[in-house]
């Protein structure tokens, strides 16, 4: 697994227990845990200037392994043990990964 991979796993907050796609953002400094964010086909969840929309019409969409236009939801983060991840279905391009990391690091908090 490398940063930018799209993985399939169970998300702790998801009460349905379904396997869901997530984006591997960063390996954490201890315990071999990884920081991931949820991926959803529910486009209404998109937060402009923060999340990223992956469109089926994009030339890089095929490499994601996703089936439909999806939102990478930086607002839905989780830290997971890497041994619970069965594998990768695809990846996003490096430019999109950098946009997400920059958005996460610099997004202004509203008070």
N, C-alpha and C. Protein backbone atom coordinates (compact mmCIF):
# COMPACT_ATOMS: atom_id res chain seq x y z
N UNK A 1 0.83 -1.19 0.00
CA UNK A 1 0.00 0.00 0.00
C UNK A 1 0.87 1.25 0.00
N UNK A 2 0.46 2.19 -0.83
CA UNK A 2 1.14 3.48 -0.86
C UNK A 2 0.10 4.60 -0.82
N UNK A 3 0.55 5.77 -0.40
CA UNK A 3 -0.36 6.91 -0.35
C UNK A 3 -0.97 7.14 -1.73
N UNK A 4 -2.26 7.40 -1.74
CA UNK A 4 -2.99 7.58 -2.99
C UNK A 4 -3.74 6.34 -3.43
N UNK A 5 -3.47 5.19 -2.79
CA UNK A 5 -4.21 3.97 -3.12
C UNK A 5 -5.65 4.07 -2.64
N UNK A 6 -6.55 3.50 -3.41
CA UNK A 6 -7.94 3.37 -2.99
C UNK A 6 -8.10 1.94 -2.49
N UNK A 7 -8.53 1.84 -1.24
CA UNK A 7 -8.63 0.57 -0.55
C UNK A 7 -10.09 0.26 -0.25
N UNK A 8 -10.36 -0.99 0.04
CA UNK A 8 -11.70 -1.40 0.48
C UNK A 8 -11.57 -1.91 1.91
N UNK A 9 -12.41 -1.38 2.79
CA UNK A 9 -12.37 -1.79 4.20
C UNK A 9 -13.68 -1.43 4.88
N UNK A 10 -13.81 -1.86 6.10
CA UNK A 10 -14.93 -1.43 6.95
C UNK A 10 -14.51 -0.16 7.68
N UNK A 11 -15.39 0.81 7.72
CA UNK A 11 -15.12 2.07 8.41
C UNK A 11 -15.78 1.98 9.78
N UNK A 12 -15.04 2.25 10.85
CA UNK A 12 -15.58 2.07 12.21
C UNK A 12 -16.91 2.79 12.47
N UNK A 13 -17.10 3.98 11.94
CA UNK A 13 -18.34 4.73 12.21
C UNK A 13 -19.53 4.25 11.40
N UNK A 14 -19.30 3.38 10.42
CA UNK A 14 -20.36 2.89 9.54
C UNK A 14 -21.07 1.71 10.22
N UNK A 15 -22.28 1.95 10.69
CA UNK A 15 -23.01 0.92 11.43
C UNK A 15 -23.46 -0.24 10.54
N UNK A 16 -23.49 -0.06 9.23
CA UNK A 16 -23.93 -1.14 8.34
C UNK A 16 -22.89 -2.26 8.26
N UNK A 17 -21.63 -1.93 8.55
CA UNK A 17 -20.57 -2.94 8.49
C UNK A 17 -20.15 -3.31 7.08
N UNK A 18 -20.62 -2.58 6.09
CA UNK A 18 -20.28 -2.87 4.69
C UNK A 18 -18.83 -2.50 4.40
N UNK A 19 -18.25 -3.20 3.43
CA UNK A 19 -16.93 -2.83 2.92
C UNK A 19 -17.13 -1.60 2.05
N UNK A 20 -16.30 -0.59 2.26
CA UNK A 20 -16.43 0.68 1.56
C UNK A 20 -15.07 1.13 1.03
N UNK A 21 -15.07 1.93 -0.05
CA UNK A 21 -13.80 2.47 -0.54
C UNK A 21 -13.32 3.61 0.34
N UNK A 22 -12.02 3.66 0.54
CA UNK A 22 -11.36 4.75 1.27
C UNK A 22 -10.08 5.10 0.53
N UNK A 23 -9.61 6.31 0.77
CA UNK A 23 -8.34 6.75 0.18
C UNK A 23 -7.26 6.72 1.26
N UNK A 24 -6.16 6.07 0.97
CA UNK A 24 -5.01 6.02 1.88
C UNK A 24 -4.26 7.34 1.74
N UNK A 25 -4.30 8.16 2.80
CA UNK A 25 -3.66 9.47 2.78
C UNK A 25 -2.24 9.46 3.33
N UNK A 26 -2.03 8.73 4.45
CA UNK A 26 -0.73 8.83 5.12
C UNK A 26 -0.55 7.68 6.10
N UNK A 27 0.67 7.16 6.18
CA UNK A 27 1.02 6.18 7.21
C UNK A 27 1.33 6.97 8.48
N UNK A 28 0.77 6.53 9.60
CA UNK A 28 0.96 7.22 10.87
C UNK A 28 2.31 6.81 11.47
N UNK A 29 2.87 7.63 12.36
CA UNK A 29 4.24 7.40 12.83
C UNK A 29 4.43 6.18 13.74
N UNK A 30 3.37 5.60 14.26
CA UNK A 30 3.58 4.43 15.12
C UNK A 30 2.47 3.40 14.91
N UNK A 31 2.70 2.21 15.35
CA UNK A 31 1.73 1.12 15.34
C UNK A 31 1.29 0.66 13.95
N UNK A 32 1.91 1.16 12.90
CA UNK A 32 1.58 0.75 11.53
C UNK A 32 0.14 1.08 11.14
N UNK A 33 -0.42 2.14 11.74
CA UNK A 33 -1.77 2.58 11.39
C UNK A 33 -1.71 3.50 10.18
N UNK A 34 -2.86 3.63 9.50
CA UNK A 34 -2.92 4.50 8.34
C UNK A 34 -4.10 5.48 8.48
N UNK A 35 -3.90 6.68 7.95
CA UNK A 35 -4.95 7.69 7.90
C UNK A 35 -5.66 7.55 6.55
N UNK A 36 -6.98 7.40 6.60
CA UNK A 36 -7.78 7.25 5.38
C UNK A 36 -8.93 8.23 5.43
N UNK A 37 -9.51 8.48 4.27
CA UNK A 37 -10.76 9.24 4.22
C UNK A 37 -11.75 8.48 3.36
N UNK A 38 -13.01 8.67 3.68
CA UNK A 38 -14.09 7.96 3.01
C UNK A 38 -14.26 8.44 1.57
N UNK A 39 -14.79 7.56 0.76
CA UNK A 39 -15.16 7.89 -0.62
C UNK A 39 -16.63 7.55 -0.77
N UNK A 40 -17.41 8.47 -1.33
CA UNK A 40 -18.85 8.30 -1.44
C UNK A 40 -19.34 8.69 -2.82
N UNK A 41 -20.39 8.02 -3.28
CA UNK A 41 -21.03 8.42 -4.53
C UNK A 41 -22.08 9.50 -4.30
N UNK A 42 -22.32 9.85 -3.05
CA UNK A 42 -23.32 10.87 -2.71
C UNK A 42 -22.72 12.26 -2.91
N UNK A 43 -22.90 12.81 -4.10
CA UNK A 43 -22.25 14.06 -4.47
C UNK A 43 -22.70 15.26 -3.65
N UNK A 44 -23.87 15.18 -3.02
CA UNK A 44 -24.32 16.30 -2.19
C UNK A 44 -23.40 16.49 -0.97
N UNK A 45 -22.59 15.49 -0.64
CA UNK A 45 -21.69 15.59 0.51
C UNK A 45 -20.42 16.39 0.19
N UNK A 46 -20.22 16.76 -1.06
CA UNK A 46 -19.03 17.50 -1.46
C UNK A 46 -18.93 18.85 -0.76
N UNK A 47 -17.80 19.11 -0.13
CA UNK A 47 -17.52 20.41 0.45
C UNK A 47 -16.55 21.10 -0.50
N UNK A 48 -17.03 22.12 -1.20
CA UNK A 48 -16.22 22.83 -2.19
C UNK A 48 -14.96 23.40 -1.54
N UNK A 49 -13.84 23.27 -2.22
CA UNK A 49 -12.58 23.80 -1.71
C UNK A 49 -11.92 22.92 -0.67
N UNK A 50 -12.54 21.79 -0.34
CA UNK A 50 -11.99 20.89 0.67
C UNK A 50 -11.94 19.46 0.13
N UNK A 51 -13.09 18.91 -0.21
CA UNK A 51 -13.17 17.55 -0.77
C UNK A 51 -12.79 17.57 -2.25
N UNK A 52 -12.75 16.39 -2.85
CA UNK A 52 -12.40 16.28 -4.27
C UNK A 52 -13.43 15.41 -4.97
N UNK A 53 -13.94 15.89 -6.10
CA UNK A 53 -14.87 15.13 -6.92
C UNK A 53 -14.10 14.38 -8.00
N UNK A 54 -14.28 13.06 -8.03
CA UNK A 54 -13.67 12.24 -9.08
C UNK A 54 -14.76 11.89 -10.08
N UNK A 55 -14.69 12.49 -11.26
CA UNK A 55 -15.72 12.32 -12.28
C UNK A 55 -15.41 11.16 -13.21
N UNK A 56 -16.45 10.42 -13.57
CA UNK A 56 -16.32 9.31 -14.52
C UNK A 56 -15.76 9.78 -15.86
N UNK A 57 -15.95 11.05 -16.18
CA UNK A 57 -15.49 11.57 -17.47
C UNK A 57 -14.01 11.96 -17.46
N UNK A 58 -13.40 11.96 -16.28
CA UNK A 58 -11.98 12.32 -16.17
C UNK A 58 -11.11 11.23 -16.80
N UNK A 59 -10.02 11.64 -17.42
CA UNK A 59 -9.12 10.67 -18.05
C UNK A 59 -8.44 9.77 -17.03
N UNK A 60 -8.30 10.24 -15.78
CA UNK A 60 -7.63 9.44 -14.76
C UNK A 60 -8.60 8.58 -13.94
N UNK A 61 -9.91 8.65 -14.23
CA UNK A 61 -10.90 7.93 -13.43
C UNK A 61 -10.71 6.42 -13.49
N UNK A 62 -10.38 5.89 -14.64
CA UNK A 62 -10.28 4.44 -14.79
C UNK A 62 -9.28 3.82 -13.81
N UNK A 63 -8.21 4.53 -13.49
CA UNK A 63 -7.20 3.98 -12.59
C UNK A 63 -7.66 3.92 -11.14
N UNK A 64 -8.80 4.55 -10.81
CA UNK A 64 -9.28 4.55 -9.43
C UNK A 64 -9.91 3.22 -9.03
N UNK A 65 -10.43 2.49 -9.98
CA UNK A 65 -11.14 1.25 -9.66
C UNK A 65 -12.57 1.49 -9.19
N UNK A 66 -12.98 2.74 -9.13
CA UNK A 66 -14.34 3.08 -8.71
C UNK A 66 -15.31 2.88 -9.86
N UNK A 67 -16.58 2.70 -9.55
CA UNK A 67 -17.58 2.41 -10.57
C UNK A 67 -18.35 3.65 -11.01
N UNK A 68 -18.47 4.64 -10.14
CA UNK A 68 -19.28 5.83 -10.42
C UNK A 68 -18.55 7.08 -9.95
N UNK A 69 -18.98 8.23 -10.46
CA UNK A 69 -18.47 9.50 -9.97
C UNK A 69 -18.58 9.51 -8.46
N UNK A 70 -17.49 9.91 -7.79
CA UNK A 70 -17.42 9.81 -6.33
C UNK A 70 -16.76 11.03 -5.72
N UNK A 71 -17.04 11.25 -4.45
CA UNK A 71 -16.45 12.34 -3.67
C UNK A 71 -15.43 11.74 -2.70
N UNK A 72 -14.20 12.25 -2.73
CA UNK A 72 -13.23 11.91 -1.71
C UNK A 72 -13.48 12.87 -0.57
N UNK A 73 -13.91 12.36 0.57
CA UNK A 73 -14.42 13.16 1.68
C UNK A 73 -13.37 13.37 2.76
N UNK A 74 -12.62 14.45 2.67
CA UNK A 74 -11.63 14.77 3.70
C UNK A 74 -12.29 15.00 5.05
N UNK A 75 -13.57 15.33 5.04
CA UNK A 75 -14.28 15.56 6.30
C UNK A 75 -14.67 14.25 6.99
N UNK A 76 -14.36 13.12 6.37
CA UNK A 76 -14.67 11.81 6.95
C UNK A 76 -13.38 11.00 7.07
N UNK A 77 -12.57 11.36 8.07
CA UNK A 77 -11.27 10.73 8.28
C UNK A 77 -11.37 9.60 9.31
N UNK A 78 -10.45 8.64 9.18
CA UNK A 78 -10.34 7.56 10.17
C UNK A 78 -8.89 7.08 10.19
N UNK A 79 -8.47 6.61 11.35
CA UNK A 79 -7.17 5.96 11.47
C UNK A 79 -7.45 4.48 11.68
N UNK A 80 -6.88 3.66 10.80
CA UNK A 80 -7.15 2.22 10.82
C UNK A 80 -5.85 1.43 10.92
N UNK A 81 -5.89 0.26 11.55
CA UNK A 81 -4.72 -0.61 11.53
C UNK A 81 -4.54 -1.17 10.12
N UNK A 82 -3.33 -1.09 9.60
CA UNK A 82 -3.11 -1.50 8.20
C UNK A 82 -3.36 -2.98 7.98
N UNK A 83 -3.27 -3.80 9.03
CA UNK A 83 -3.50 -5.24 8.83
C UNK A 83 -4.96 -5.57 8.57
N UNK A 84 -5.88 -4.62 8.78
CA UNK A 84 -7.30 -4.84 8.51
C UNK A 84 -7.68 -4.52 7.07
N UNK A 85 -6.72 -4.17 6.24
CA UNK A 85 -7.00 -3.76 4.86
C UNK A 85 -6.70 -4.93 3.93
N UNK A 86 -7.74 -5.46 3.28
CA UNK A 86 -7.51 -6.61 2.40
C UNK A 86 -6.74 -6.29 1.12
N UNK A 87 -6.81 -5.06 0.63
CA UNK A 87 -6.07 -4.73 -0.58
C UNK A 87 -6.56 -3.48 -1.26
N UNK A 88 -5.93 -3.18 -2.38
CA UNK A 88 -6.20 -1.96 -3.13
C UNK A 88 -7.02 -2.29 -4.38
N UNK A 89 -7.91 -1.35 -4.75
CA UNK A 89 -8.67 -1.53 -6.00
C UNK A 89 -8.20 -0.56 -7.08
N UNK A 90 -7.41 0.43 -6.70
CA UNK A 90 -6.94 1.42 -7.66
C UNK A 90 -6.18 2.51 -6.95
N UNK A 91 -6.04 3.65 -7.65
CA UNK A 91 -5.31 4.77 -7.06
C UNK A 91 -5.73 6.06 -7.73
N UNK A 92 -5.45 7.18 -7.05
CA UNK A 92 -5.65 8.48 -7.67
C UNK A 92 -4.29 8.97 -8.14
N UNK A 93 -4.31 9.96 -9.02
CA UNK A 93 -3.03 10.48 -9.53
C UNK A 93 -2.36 11.36 -8.48
N UNK A 94 -1.07 11.56 -8.62
CA UNK A 94 -0.29 12.32 -7.64
C UNK A 94 -0.76 13.76 -7.51
N UNK A 95 -1.20 14.37 -8.59
CA UNK A 95 -1.67 15.75 -8.53
C UNK A 95 -2.91 15.86 -7.64
N UNK A 96 -3.86 14.94 -7.79
CA UNK A 96 -5.05 14.95 -6.94
C UNK A 96 -4.70 14.67 -5.49
N UNK A 97 -3.75 13.77 -5.24
CA UNK A 97 -3.32 13.48 -3.87
C UNK A 97 -2.72 14.72 -3.23
N UNK A 98 -1.91 15.45 -3.97
CA UNK A 98 -1.30 16.67 -3.43
C UNK A 98 -2.35 17.73 -3.13
N UNK A 99 -3.36 17.86 -4.00
CA UNK A 99 -4.45 18.81 -3.76
C UNK A 99 -5.16 18.46 -2.44
N UNK A 100 -5.45 17.19 -2.24
CA UNK A 100 -6.13 16.76 -1.02
C UNK A 100 -5.28 17.04 0.22
N UNK A 101 -4.00 16.72 0.16
CA UNK A 101 -3.12 16.96 1.31
C UNK A 101 -3.01 18.45 1.62
N UNK A 102 -2.93 19.27 0.60
CA UNK A 102 -2.88 20.72 0.79
C UNK A 102 -4.18 21.23 1.39
N UNK A 103 -5.31 20.75 0.86
CA UNK A 103 -6.62 21.15 1.39
C UNK A 103 -6.74 20.78 2.86
N UNK A 104 -6.29 19.60 3.21
CA UNK A 104 -6.39 19.15 4.59
C UNK A 104 -5.52 20.00 5.51
N UNK A 105 -4.34 20.35 5.04
CA UNK A 105 -3.40 21.11 5.88
C UNK A 105 -3.74 22.59 5.99
N UNK A 106 -4.44 23.14 5.01
CA UNK A 106 -4.62 24.58 4.97
C UNK A 106 -6.06 25.07 5.06
N UNK A 107 -7.02 24.19 5.11
CA UNK A 107 -8.42 24.61 5.13
C UNK A 107 -8.70 25.45 6.37
N UNK A 108 -9.27 26.64 6.21
CA UNK A 108 -9.54 27.48 7.39
C UNK A 108 -10.69 26.92 8.22
N UNK A 109 -10.50 26.92 9.51
CA UNK A 109 -11.55 26.50 10.43
C UNK A 109 -12.51 27.66 10.66
N UNK A 110 -13.80 27.37 10.65
CA UNK A 110 -14.80 28.40 10.91
C UNK A 110 -15.16 28.36 12.39
N UNK A 111 -15.30 29.54 12.99
CA UNK A 111 -15.65 29.61 14.43
C UNK A 111 -17.08 29.98 14.60
